Amino acid sequence: MANHDADDRRVAELLMENDGLHEQVAFLEEEVATLRQRLLEAPRQIEVAETRLTETRETLTLVTDQNERLVATLREARDQIIALKEELDRVTGPPLGFGIFLADRGDGSAEVFTGGRKLRVSYETDIDPGKLRSGQEVMLNEALNIVEARWVPSTGELYTFTRALPHEDRIIALNHSGEKEVLKLTHQLKDIHMTEGDLLLVDGRAGVVLERIPVDIEGLSERKIPGVTWDSIGGLEGQVQTLRALAEIPLRYANRLCEMGVHGQNGILLSGPIGCGKTLLVNALANAVAANAEMDGEDPPIFLDISTPHLLDKYVGETEKAVRVPFERARAEASAGRRVIMLFTEFDALFNLRGRGDSPGSAVSEFAADMDGIAPFRHILVIGETNREDLVDPSLLRHGRLGQHVRIPRPDAKAAREILVRQLRLMDPDSAPDLANSIVEQLYAPAEQNAIAEVCYGDSSNQVLYVRDFLTGSALRAVALRAAELAALRNITGGLKEITLTDIIQAIHYEVSDPEQLLLMTQKRDWPVRDEQIQSVRTLSRPGYAGRVVSWENT
């Protein structure tokens, strides 16, 4: 019985387990069916998911772009707000003043000049006092603190330097009214050498010198050393030897001569008619001095060309300053060991007899003082050129100034031949001597065709003047160049290349065919006439020209 009950329970358990298994199988079958259904629907869901992903990415890109544009807009708006704020602060803020920095006190304060007052002010935190210099412009805020360092002002009043006070950074200068004032030098001017007459840019209210203005003297120029040599000059052998002895040798051996107790001249006066070679001689001298310096391993000389008439100025003191500036330049160059040649052309235009003409007598005094001032400098040579040495003030012609006088005369027949040979040798080397002889024979013969004027004296006597009496080296050169030009023009058209006698005759006729022009180009004092009263001058007739009477005063 007991076994039968156990079997029944066992059967019942197995039936229950079987039912459970059937339920699990059914559940699993349903699950499998569901999975199979999902598996069938999975590709479509993946496709939908990919589509949504693409749409999401596109949306994200748009949103990102919009975000970047929004950020840029916000930044721009912020910058505009900041700029507007700064502009508003600038417009509504208190005005800033300007002043001239004078000195740093060393205790965080500074002295400035502003509004007509000298004040002690403070610095803003970003200002470095060590970088500020006296005379520099600074900007001040409402509390008069230095907020910005600017630059040295470029405008102000012009003063004239007189002298420096010893051992101080102060000077004495003349204002526009001619009154003396004591001024303070800015930092950058303390080590600059100043000479009397220098122009200064000054802040008159602050009493500070801001800048030294370069003085530009009209008529003063530094010339390049010309290429003229002694050998290229003809007809002036005596003058060449004199200049070499008076100028070239002393300039080259100045130190040795000083050791021997020989002190040469600092000044030479060259005189003579216009166009006879004064400037040519100076050019050759400058070239020789430069060549000597090169051979000796020294610096080339400075050649200062001063047009004397341009030194004259209508304002008081300006003419004297214009005379003084070239000498200051010469002394500065000579102190540095360089040789200086100063050429004053048309010397009589300014340095004539005191009390005569429009030039101030003080200009003569200034030149004399400057010549005396360069006496210790043996490397400075001053040359004056004039065709009226009788008008030069005698005080300038004494020893120590322009104490040596070299006269350049009109060329005679021999000198003319030498001039022409040197000129024609450049154009027709083989025929140059013969051509020169032909030109000299044509020009220097006392023949009727060369007579240009007749001088009538008060005693009724007459004197005939010839072309040779008015010839100059430049006129001879013009004849040679004209003859060469005629030959060149003929050669271009297929004719002879050589200069012919016909070319010479035509050149002479072209250059010296006008008697009145020859008379006007020559000063009366250079005419070869007797020292008697002249009644009149009559130009003589020649082919193509009718002679006429010319009054003595109008020639």
Foldseek 3Di string as FASTA:
>chain_A
DVVVVVVVVVVVVVVVVVVVVVVVVVVVVVVVVVVVVCVVCVVVVVVVVVVVVVVVVVVVVVVVVVVVVVVVVVVVVVVVVVVVVVVVCVVPPDDKFKWFWAADPPPQWGWTDGPLDIDIAGEDPPDDRVPDKGQWMFIAGPRRYTDGTDGRDPAAFKWWFAAQDPPFQWGWTAGPVRDIDIAGEIPVCSPPDDDGGWIFGAHVSVRYTRDTDDDDQPQKDWDDQDPQAPVLAFQPVVLLVVCCVQPVVCLLCVVVCVVVVHAGAQEAEEAEAPFAQPVVSVSNSLVSNQVSCVVVVHDRAIEMGGALVSLDDPDPPSSLSSLVVVLVVQVVVLVVPHAYEYEYEQQLNAQFAAPDDDHHPVNVVSLLVSLLVCRVRSRHHYYYYHHCPVGGHVSQCPTSHNVHYDYRYAGDLRRQLGLQLSLCCVQPVVCSNVVSVLLSCVQVDPDPQFFWKWWAFPVRDIDTDGNSLQDHSVLSSQLSVQQQVVLVVQVVVPHHNDRDSVSSVVSCCVRPVHSVVSVVSTDPVSGPDDPGHIQWMWTPDDVPDHIGIDGPVRD
